[in-house]
Amino acid sequence: MPYNIFLFGTLRSEKIFKAVLNQPMHSFTISSCIAKRAKLKKMKDENYPVLIRTEYDLDHVKGVVIHNLDKNFLKRILFFESIEYKLDDIDVETEGDLTSVKYFALDQKQVTSEDWIYAEWHKNWENWDYECALVWMKYFNQFKNCPEEAEKLWPEMLKEIRVNFNKKHQQI
């Protein structure tokens, strides 16, 4: 069964997308879209967003829908999102049509009141999160069915990420 998935956060980045799915974004059928009555908020102590449903018609979240994503690619995204996110339903508007798709919903206990803005994340965090995605996804084959076990290795992964990041982004 193919899936239509709404991406609204870090996976909108070409770099992160390719690191996670191991394919460039242009290999997939993707449409721009808007989720109405929704906002993106920052997670406490994290670089990624949570989508919050609201009652206000003017609130909206821009994103993309990946159409007809097969089970193997969905597994890669599920692993990347790990234990924090779960698939849920949301209606999005693409080219004037309202469509029901899946998105990654997050437990909202650790949400801040601060808006998460893609352009700010892209400027300040994309390179760091790209290194995180590269290292995390190296563990996909080993832990694809149990990301909670991979989570236990995160402190060690962070050491590798810091070394990789510093090598690539040193000031000369």
N, C-alpha and C. Protein backbone atom coordinates (compact mmCIF):
# COMPACT_ATOMS: atom_id res chain seq x y z
N MET A 1 0.84 -1.18 0.00
CA MET A 1 0.00 0.00 0.00
C MET A 1 0.88 1.25 0.00
N PRO A 2 0.78 2.08 -0.99
CA PRO A 2 1.59 3.31 -1.01
C PRO A 2 1.02 4.35 -0.04
N TYR A 3 1.90 5.22 0.44
CA TYR A 3 1.54 6.24 1.41
C TYR A 3 1.77 7.63 0.82
N ASN A 4 0.92 8.57 1.20
CA ASN A 4 1.12 9.98 0.90
C ASN A 4 1.47 10.64 2.23
N ILE A 5 2.68 11.20 2.32
CA ILE A 5 3.21 11.70 3.58
C ILE A 5 3.46 13.20 3.49
N PHE A 6 2.94 13.94 4.47
CA PHE A 6 3.15 15.38 4.59
C PHE A 6 4.43 15.62 5.38
N LEU A 7 5.38 16.34 4.76
CA LEU A 7 6.63 16.71 5.41
C LEU A 7 6.59 18.21 5.68
N PHE A 8 6.82 18.59 6.93
CA PHE A 8 6.71 20.00 7.31
C PHE A 8 7.95 20.52 8.03
N GLY A 9 8.88 19.65 8.38
CA GLY A 9 10.04 20.06 9.17
C GLY A 9 11.35 19.82 8.46
N THR A 10 12.28 19.19 9.15
CA THR A 10 13.64 19.03 8.64
C THR A 10 13.71 18.18 7.37
N LEU A 11 12.78 17.27 7.19
CA LEU A 11 12.80 16.43 5.98
C LEU A 11 12.44 17.20 4.71
N ARG A 12 12.03 18.45 4.84
CA ARG A 12 11.84 19.30 3.65
C ARG A 12 13.19 19.69 3.04
N SER A 13 14.24 19.57 3.80
CA SER A 13 15.59 19.88 3.31
C SER A 13 16.05 18.79 2.36
N GLU A 14 16.56 19.20 1.20
CA GLU A 14 17.08 18.23 0.21
C GLU A 14 18.18 17.37 0.84
N LYS A 15 19.06 18.00 1.62
CA LYS A 15 20.18 17.27 2.24
C LYS A 15 19.69 16.22 3.23
N ILE A 16 18.79 16.61 4.11
CA ILE A 16 18.28 15.68 5.12
C ILE A 16 17.47 14.58 4.44
N PHE A 17 16.64 14.96 3.49
CA PHE A 17 15.82 14.01 2.75
C PHE A 17 16.68 12.92 2.12
N LYS A 18 17.74 13.33 1.43
CA LYS A 18 18.61 12.36 0.76
C LYS A 18 19.35 11.49 1.77
N ALA A 19 19.79 12.08 2.89
CA ALA A 19 20.48 11.30 3.93
C ALA A 19 19.55 10.22 4.50
N VAL A 20 18.28 10.54 4.63
CA VAL A 20 17.32 9.61 5.23
C VAL A 20 16.83 8.57 4.23
N LEU A 21 16.41 9.01 3.06
CA LEU A 21 15.83 8.08 2.09
C LEU A 21 16.85 7.47 1.14
N ASN A 22 18.07 8.00 1.17
CA ASN A 22 19.14 7.49 0.32
C ASN A 22 18.80 7.66 -1.16
N GLN A 23 17.95 8.64 -1.45
CA GLN A 23 17.54 8.99 -2.81
C GLN A 23 17.33 10.50 -2.84
N PRO A 24 17.63 11.15 -3.96
CA PRO A 24 17.34 12.59 -4.03
C PRO A 24 15.84 12.84 -4.10
N MET A 25 15.45 14.01 -3.66
CA MET A 25 14.04 14.39 -3.61
C MET A 25 13.38 14.31 -4.99
N HIS A 26 14.13 14.67 -6.05
CA HIS A 26 13.52 14.68 -7.39
C HIS A 26 13.18 13.28 -7.90
N SER A 27 13.59 12.22 -7.19
CA SER A 27 13.23 10.84 -7.57
C SER A 27 11.80 10.49 -7.20
N PHE A 28 11.14 11.37 -6.44
CA PHE A 28 9.81 11.11 -5.94
C PHE A 28 8.82 12.12 -6.52
N THR A 29 7.55 11.77 -6.47
CA THR A 29 6.50 12.71 -6.86
C THR A 29 6.14 13.51 -5.62
N ILE A 30 6.40 14.82 -5.69
CA ILE A 30 6.23 15.70 -4.53
C ILE A 30 5.40 16.91 -4.94
N SER A 31 4.48 17.32 -4.07
CA SER A 31 3.66 18.52 -4.29
C SER A 31 3.78 19.45 -3.10
N SER A 32 3.83 20.74 -3.37
CA SER A 32 3.74 21.73 -2.30
C SER A 32 2.33 21.70 -1.74
N CYS A 33 2.20 22.00 -0.46
CA CYS A 33 0.88 21.97 0.15
C CYS A 33 0.84 22.85 1.39
N ILE A 34 -0.36 23.01 1.92
CA ILE A 34 -0.58 23.78 3.14
C ILE A 34 -1.53 23.00 4.04
N ALA A 35 -1.17 22.90 5.31
CA ALA A 35 -2.07 22.36 6.32
C ALA A 35 -2.68 23.56 7.05
N LYS A 36 -3.98 23.70 6.96
CA LYS A 36 -4.65 24.83 7.60
C LYS A 36 -4.98 24.48 9.05
N ARG A 37 -5.19 25.57 9.83
CA ARG A 37 -5.47 25.43 11.26
C ARG A 37 -4.35 24.63 11.94
N ALA A 38 -3.12 25.03 11.63
CA ALA A 38 -1.96 24.37 12.21
C ALA A 38 -0.81 25.38 12.33
N LYS A 39 0.08 25.12 13.28
CA LYS A 39 1.28 25.94 13.48
C LYS A 39 2.44 25.01 13.81
N LEU A 40 3.65 25.49 13.55
CA LEU A 40 4.85 24.76 13.97
C LEU A 40 5.44 25.44 15.19
N LYS A 41 5.73 24.65 16.20
CA LYS A 41 6.36 25.14 17.42
C LYS A 41 7.66 24.38 17.65
N LYS A 42 8.60 25.04 18.34
CA LYS A 42 9.86 24.40 18.67
C LYS A 42 9.65 23.44 19.83
N MET A 43 10.39 22.36 19.77
CA MET A 43 10.45 21.42 20.88
C MET A 43 11.47 21.93 21.89
N LYS A 44 11.22 21.67 23.15
CA LYS A 44 12.15 22.07 24.19
C LYS A 44 13.49 21.34 23.98
N ASP A 45 14.58 22.10 23.95
CA ASP A 45 15.95 21.57 23.84
C ASP A 45 16.21 20.79 22.55
N GLU A 46 15.46 21.07 21.49
CA GLU A 46 15.66 20.36 20.22
C GLU A 46 15.64 21.34 19.06
N ASN A 47 16.06 20.85 17.87
CA ASN A 47 16.09 21.67 16.65
C ASN A 47 14.91 21.40 15.74
N TYR A 48 14.04 20.50 16.11
CA TYR A 48 12.97 20.12 15.19
C TYR A 48 11.60 20.59 15.71
N PRO A 49 10.63 20.62 14.79
CA PRO A 49 9.31 21.16 15.15
C PRO A 49 8.30 20.10 15.56
N VAL A 50 7.23 20.61 16.09
CA VAL A 50 6.02 19.81 16.29
C VAL A 50 4.88 20.59 15.65
N LEU A 51 4.01 19.89 14.97
CA LEU A 51 2.85 20.51 14.36
C LEU A 51 1.73 20.53 15.40
N ILE A 52 1.23 21.72 15.65
CA ILE A 52 0.14 21.93 16.61
C ILE A 52 -1.12 22.29 15.84
N ARG A 53 -2.21 21.60 16.11
CA ARG A 53 -3.50 21.94 15.51
C ARG A 53 -4.08 23.13 16.27
N THR A 54 -4.71 24.05 15.53
CA THR A 54 -5.32 25.22 16.16
C THR A 54 -6.77 25.34 15.69
N GLU A 55 -7.44 26.33 16.20
CA GLU A 55 -8.83 26.61 15.81
C GLU A 55 -8.93 27.80 14.86
N TYR A 56 -7.78 28.33 14.45
CA TYR A 56 -7.77 29.58 13.70
C TYR A 56 -7.52 29.35 12.21
N ASP A 57 -8.41 29.86 11.40
CA ASP A 57 -8.32 29.66 9.95
C ASP A 57 -7.05 30.26 9.35
N LEU A 58 -6.53 31.33 9.95
CA LEU A 58 -5.34 31.97 9.41
C LEU A 58 -4.05 31.22 9.71
N ASP A 59 -4.06 30.33 10.70
CA ASP A 59 -2.88 29.53 11.00
C ASP A 59 -2.70 28.48 9.92
N HIS A 60 -1.49 28.35 9.43
CA HIS A 60 -1.23 27.33 8.42
C HIS A 60 0.26 26.94 8.43
N VAL A 61 0.53 25.74 7.93
CA VAL A 61 1.88 25.22 7.84
C VAL A 61 2.14 24.84 6.39
N LYS A 62 3.21 25.40 5.85
CA LYS A 62 3.63 25.03 4.49
C LYS A 62 4.49 23.77 4.56
N GLY A 63 4.36 22.95 3.54
CA GLY A 63 5.16 21.74 3.48
C GLY A 63 5.06 21.11 2.11
N VAL A 64 5.40 19.84 2.06
CA VAL A 64 5.30 19.07 0.82
C VAL A 64 4.67 17.72 1.13
N VAL A 65 4.04 17.15 0.13
CA VAL A 65 3.53 15.79 0.22
C VAL A 65 4.35 14.92 -0.72
N ILE A 66 4.86 13.84 -0.18
CA ILE A 66 5.49 12.81 -1.03
C ILE A 66 4.37 11.84 -1.36
N HIS A 67 4.12 11.65 -2.65
CA HIS A 67 3.03 10.79 -3.10
C HIS A 67 3.53 9.37 -3.35
N ASN A 68 2.68 8.42 -3.02
CA ASN A 68 2.91 7.00 -3.33
C ASN A 68 4.25 6.48 -2.80
N LEU A 69 4.55 6.83 -1.58
CA LEU A 69 5.78 6.35 -0.95
C LEU A 69 5.60 4.89 -0.59
N ASP A 70 6.55 4.06 -1.01
CA ASP A 70 6.39 2.63 -0.72
C ASP A 70 6.85 2.31 0.71
N LYS A 71 6.52 1.10 1.13
CA LYS A 71 6.75 0.66 2.51
C LYS A 71 8.23 0.74 2.91
N ASN A 72 9.13 0.43 1.99
CA ASN A 72 10.56 0.45 2.32
C ASN A 72 11.05 1.86 2.62
N PHE A 73 10.60 2.83 1.84
CA PHE A 73 10.99 4.22 2.11
C PHE A 73 10.31 4.73 3.37
N LEU A 74 9.06 4.32 3.59
CA LEU A 74 8.37 4.71 4.81
C LEU A 74 9.13 4.19 6.03
N LYS A 75 9.65 2.98 5.96
CA LYS A 75 10.42 2.43 7.08
C LYS A 75 11.64 3.29 7.39
N ARG A 76 12.28 3.80 6.36
CA ARG A 76 13.45 4.66 6.57
C ARG A 76 13.05 5.95 7.30
N ILE A 77 11.91 6.53 6.89
CA ILE A 77 11.45 7.74 7.56
C ILE A 77 11.03 7.43 9.00
N LEU A 78 10.34 6.32 9.19
CA LEU A 78 9.94 5.94 10.55
C LEU A 78 11.15 5.76 11.46
N PHE A 79 12.21 5.17 10.92
CA PHE A 79 13.43 5.01 11.71
C PHE A 79 14.04 6.37 12.03
N PHE A 80 14.11 7.23 11.03
CA PHE A 80 14.66 8.57 11.24
C PHE A 80 13.87 9.32 12.31
N GLU A 81 12.56 9.25 12.24
CA GLU A 81 11.71 9.94 13.22
C GLU A 81 11.77 9.26 14.58
N SER A 82 12.19 8.02 14.59
CA SER A 82 12.43 7.25 15.81
C SER A 82 11.18 7.12 16.66
N ILE A 83 11.38 7.13 17.96
CA ILE A 83 10.27 6.86 18.87
C ILE A 83 9.47 8.11 19.21
N GLU A 84 9.96 9.29 18.79
CA GLU A 84 9.28 10.53 19.15
C GLU A 84 7.98 10.74 18.36
N TYR A 85 7.96 10.39 17.09
CA TYR A 85 6.84 10.68 16.21
C TYR A 85 6.04 9.43 15.88
N LYS A 86 4.75 9.62 15.66
CA LYS A 86 3.85 8.55 15.23
C LYS A 86 3.03 9.05 14.04
N LEU A 87 2.70 8.15 13.11
CA LEU A 87 1.88 8.52 11.95
C LEU A 87 0.45 8.83 12.38
N ASP A 88 -0.10 9.90 11.82
CA ASP A 88 -1.47 10.31 12.08
C ASP A 88 -2.02 10.90 10.78
N ASP A 89 -3.30 11.18 10.75
CA ASP A 89 -3.95 11.74 9.56
C ASP A 89 -4.06 13.26 9.66
N ILE A 90 -3.95 13.91 8.50
CA ILE A 90 -4.15 15.35 8.41
C ILE A 90 -4.64 15.68 7.00
N ASP A 91 -5.46 16.71 6.90
CA ASP A 91 -5.91 17.19 5.60
C ASP A 91 -4.99 18.33 5.17
N VAL A 92 -4.54 18.28 3.92
CA VAL A 92 -3.71 19.34 3.36
C VAL A 92 -4.32 19.79 2.04
N GLU A 93 -4.01 21.03 1.68
CA GLU A 93 -4.49 21.59 0.43
C GLU A 93 -3.34 21.61 -0.57
N THR A 94 -3.54 20.94 -1.69
CA THR A 94 -2.56 20.96 -2.79
C THR A 94 -3.29 21.42 -4.04
N GLU A 95 -2.79 22.49 -4.63
CA GLU A 95 -3.37 23.04 -5.86
C GLU A 95 -4.89 23.19 -5.76
N GLY A 96 -5.36 23.66 -4.60
CA GLY A 96 -6.78 23.92 -4.42
C GLY A 96 -7.60 22.72 -3.98
N ASP A 97 -7.02 21.53 -4.01
CA ASP A 97 -7.75 20.32 -3.60
C ASP A 97 -7.38 19.95 -2.17
N LEU A 98 -8.38 19.54 -1.40
CA LEU A 98 -8.16 19.07 -0.04
C LEU A 98 -7.95 17.57 -0.08
N THR A 99 -6.84 17.11 0.50
CA THR A 99 -6.47 15.70 0.46
C THR A 99 -6.10 15.22 1.85
N SER A 100 -6.52 14.03 2.19
CA SER A 100 -6.13 13.43 3.47
C SER A 100 -4.83 12.65 3.27
N VAL A 101 -3.85 12.95 4.11
CA VAL A 101 -2.54 12.31 4.02
C VAL A 101 -2.09 11.93 5.43
N LYS A 102 -0.94 11.31 5.52
CA LYS A 102 -0.33 10.98 6.80
C LYS A 102 0.72 12.03 7.14
N TYR A 103 0.94 12.23 8.42
CA TYR A 103 2.03 13.09 8.88
C TYR A 103 2.57 12.53 10.17
N PHE A 104 3.72 13.05 10.59
CA PHE A 104 4.34 12.57 11.81
C PHE A 104 3.95 13.48 12.97
N ALA A 105 3.08 12.96 13.82
CA ALA A 105 2.60 13.69 14.99
C ALA A 105 3.53 13.39 16.16
N LEU A 106 3.66 14.38 17.01
CA LEU A 106 4.58 14.27 18.14
C LEU A 106 3.83 14.53 19.43
N ASP A 107 4.21 13.80 20.47
CA ASP A 107 3.68 14.06 21.81
C ASP A 107 4.00 15.51 22.15
N GLN A 108 3.02 16.26 22.53
CA GLN A 108 3.19 17.70 22.68
C GLN A 108 3.57 18.14 24.09
N LYS A 109 4.05 17.25 24.92
CA LYS A 109 4.39 17.60 26.30
C LYS A 109 5.57 18.55 26.39
N GLN A 110 6.50 18.47 25.46
CA GLN A 110 7.72 19.26 25.52
C GLN A 110 7.75 20.42 24.53
N VAL A 111 6.58 20.90 24.14
CA VAL A 111 6.48 21.97 23.16
C VAL A 111 6.71 23.32 23.85
N THR A 112 7.44 24.21 23.17
CA THR A 112 7.60 25.58 23.66
C THR A 112 6.55 26.47 23.01
N SER A 113 6.49 27.70 23.43
CA SER A 113 5.55 28.64 22.79
C SER A 113 6.20 29.33 21.59
N GLU A 114 7.47 29.04 21.35
CA GLU A 114 8.22 29.69 20.27
C GLU A 114 7.93 29.02 18.92
N ASP A 115 7.68 29.85 17.91
CA ASP A 115 7.45 29.33 16.56
C ASP A 115 8.72 28.70 16.00
N TRP A 116 8.55 27.60 15.26
CA TRP A 116 9.66 26.98 14.53
C TRP A 116 9.54 27.47 13.10
N ILE A 117 10.62 28.06 12.59
CA ILE A 117 10.61 28.65 11.26
C ILE A 117 11.67 27.95 10.41
N TYR A 118 11.21 27.36 9.31
CA TYR A 118 12.10 26.57 8.45
C TYR A 118 13.33 27.37 8.03
N ALA A 119 13.16 28.60 7.58
CA ALA A 119 14.30 29.39 7.09
C ALA A 119 15.36 29.59 8.18
N GLU A 120 14.92 29.80 9.41
CA GLU A 120 15.88 29.94 10.52
C GLU A 120 16.59 28.63 10.79
N TRP A 121 15.83 27.54 10.82
CA TRP A 121 16.45 26.23 11.01
C TRP A 121 17.47 25.96 9.90
N HIS A 122 17.07 26.22 8.66
CA HIS A 122 17.93 25.97 7.50
C HIS A 122 19.27 26.71 7.65
N LYS A 123 19.20 27.95 8.06
CA LYS A 123 20.41 28.77 8.21
C LYS A 123 21.28 28.31 9.39
N ASN A 124 20.65 27.99 10.50
CA ASN A 124 21.40 27.73 11.74
C ASN A 124 21.67 26.27 12.06
N TRP A 125 20.85 25.36 11.57
CA TRP A 125 20.94 23.98 12.03
C TRP A 125 21.02 22.91 10.94
N GLU A 126 20.76 23.26 9.68
CA GLU A 126 20.70 22.22 8.66
C GLU A 126 21.98 21.40 8.59
N ASN A 127 23.15 22.04 8.60
CA ASN A 127 24.41 21.28 8.48
C ASN A 127 24.62 20.34 9.66
N TRP A 128 24.29 20.81 10.86
CA TRP A 128 24.42 19.95 12.04
C TRP A 128 23.45 18.77 11.95
N ASP A 129 22.19 19.06 11.63
CA ASP A 129 21.19 17.99 11.54
C ASP A 129 21.48 17.02 10.40
N TYR A 130 22.13 17.50 9.35
CA TYR A 130 22.56 16.63 8.26
C TYR A 130 23.57 15.61 8.77
N GLU A 131 24.55 16.07 9.54
CA GLU A 131 25.54 15.13 10.12
C GLU A 131 24.85 14.13 11.04
N CYS A 132 23.88 14.62 11.81
CA CYS A 132 23.12 13.73 12.69
C CYS A 132 22.39 12.66 11.88
N ALA A 133 21.74 13.08 10.79
CA ALA A 133 20.99 12.15 9.95
C ALA A 133 21.92 11.12 9.32
N LEU A 134 23.09 11.55 8.84
CA LEU A 134 24.03 10.61 8.23
C LEU A 134 24.45 9.52 9.22
N VAL A 135 24.81 9.94 10.41
CA VAL A 135 25.26 8.97 11.41
C VAL A 135 24.09 8.09 11.87
N TRP A 136 22.96 8.69 12.16
CA TRP A 136 21.79 7.94 12.62
C TRP A 136 21.39 6.87 11.59
N MET A 137 21.34 7.25 10.33
CA MET A 137 20.87 6.32 9.29
C MET A 137 21.85 5.19 9.01
N LYS A 138 23.10 5.33 9.46
CA LYS A 138 24.04 4.20 9.34
C LYS A 138 23.55 3.00 10.14
N TYR A 139 22.70 3.24 11.11
CA TYR A 139 22.19 2.18 11.98
C TYR A 139 20.85 1.61 11.52
N PHE A 140 20.36 2.09 10.39
CA PHE A 140 19.04 1.67 9.92
C PHE A 140 18.92 0.16 9.77
N ASN A 141 19.83 -0.46 9.04
CA ASN A 141 19.70 -1.90 8.79
C ASN A 141 19.74 -2.72 10.08
N GLN A 142 20.54 -2.28 11.02
CA GLN A 142 20.68 -3.00 12.28
C GLN A 142 19.46 -2.82 13.20
N PHE A 143 18.89 -1.62 13.20
CA PHE A 143 17.85 -1.31 14.19
C PHE A 143 16.52 -0.87 13.58
N LYS A 144 16.27 -1.16 12.31
CA LYS A 144 15.05 -0.64 11.66
C LYS A 144 13.76 -1.06 12.35
N ASN A 145 13.79 -2.20 13.01
CA ASN A 145 12.58 -2.67 13.69
C ASN A 145 12.54 -2.32 15.17
N CYS A 146 13.61 -1.69 15.65
CA CYS A 146 13.66 -1.34 17.08
C CYS A 146 14.49 -0.06 17.28
N PRO A 147 13.99 1.08 16.79
CA PRO A 147 14.75 2.33 16.94
C PRO A 147 15.01 2.71 18.39
N GLU A 148 14.19 2.19 19.30
CA GLU A 148 14.44 2.48 20.71
C GLU A 148 15.80 1.92 21.16
N GLU A 149 16.26 0.85 20.53
CA GLU A 149 17.59 0.31 20.85
C GLU A 149 18.68 1.22 20.28
N ALA A 150 18.45 1.77 19.10
CA ALA A 150 19.41 2.71 18.52
C ALA A 150 19.49 3.97 19.38
N GLU A 151 18.37 4.38 19.96
CA GLU A 151 18.36 5.57 20.83
C GLU A 151 19.36 5.44 21.98
N LYS A 152 19.58 4.22 22.46
CA LYS A 152 20.52 3.98 23.55
C LYS A 152 21.96 4.32 23.14
N LEU A 153 22.22 4.26 21.83
CA LEU A 153 23.56 4.55 21.30
C LEU A 153 23.75 6.03 20.97
N TRP A 154 22.71 6.83 21.12
CA TRP A 154 22.76 8.23 20.72
C TRP A 154 23.93 9.00 21.35
N PRO A 155 24.23 8.84 22.65
CA PRO A 155 25.37 9.58 23.21
C PRO A 155 26.70 9.27 22.48
N GLU A 156 26.89 8.03 22.10
CA GLU A 156 28.10 7.68 21.34
C GLU A 156 28.05 8.23 19.93
N MET A 157 26.86 8.21 19.32
CA MET A 157 26.71 8.77 17.98
C MET A 157 27.05 10.26 18.00
N LEU A 158 26.63 10.96 19.03
CA LEU A 158 26.90 12.40 19.12
C LEU A 158 28.39 12.70 19.10
N LYS A 159 29.19 11.85 19.69
CA LYS A 159 30.65 12.04 19.65
C LYS A 159 31.15 11.99 18.21
N GLU A 160 30.68 11.00 17.46
CA GLU A 160 31.07 10.88 16.05
C GLU A 160 30.57 12.08 15.24
N ILE A 161 29.35 12.50 15.52
CA ILE A 161 28.77 13.64 14.81
C ILE A 161 29.60 14.89 15.05
N ARG A 162 29.98 15.14 16.30
CA ARG A 162 30.77 16.33 16.62
C ARG A 162 32.10 16.32 15.87
N VAL A 163 32.77 15.17 15.82
CA VAL A 163 34.04 15.06 15.10
C VAL A 163 33.83 15.35 13.62
N ASN A 164 32.83 14.69 13.01
CA ASN A 164 32.55 14.89 11.58
C ASN A 164 32.21 16.34 11.28
N PHE A 165 31.35 16.92 12.11
CA PHE A 165 30.92 18.29 11.90
C PHE A 165 32.09 19.26 12.02
N ASN A 166 32.89 19.09 13.04
CA ASN A 166 34.03 19.99 13.24
C ASN A 166 35.04 19.89 12.10
N LYS A 167 35.28 18.70 11.58
CA LYS A 167 36.19 18.53 10.45
C LYS A 167 35.69 19.29 9.22
N LYS A 168 34.39 19.20 8.97
CA LYS A 168 33.81 19.82 7.77
C LYS A 168 33.61 21.33 7.90
N HIS A 169 33.46 21.81 9.13
CA HIS A 169 33.05 23.20 9.31
C HIS A 169 34.02 24.03 10.16
N GLN A 170 35.29 23.61 10.18
CA GLN A 170 36.30 24.37 10.92
C GLN A 170 36.51 25.73 10.29
N GLN A 171 36.78 26.70 11.14
CA GLN A 171 37.19 28.02 10.65
C GLN A 171 38.66 27.95 10.26
N ILE A 172 39.01 28.53 9.13
CA ILE A 172 40.42 28.54 8.69
C ILE A 172 41.01 29.89 8.95
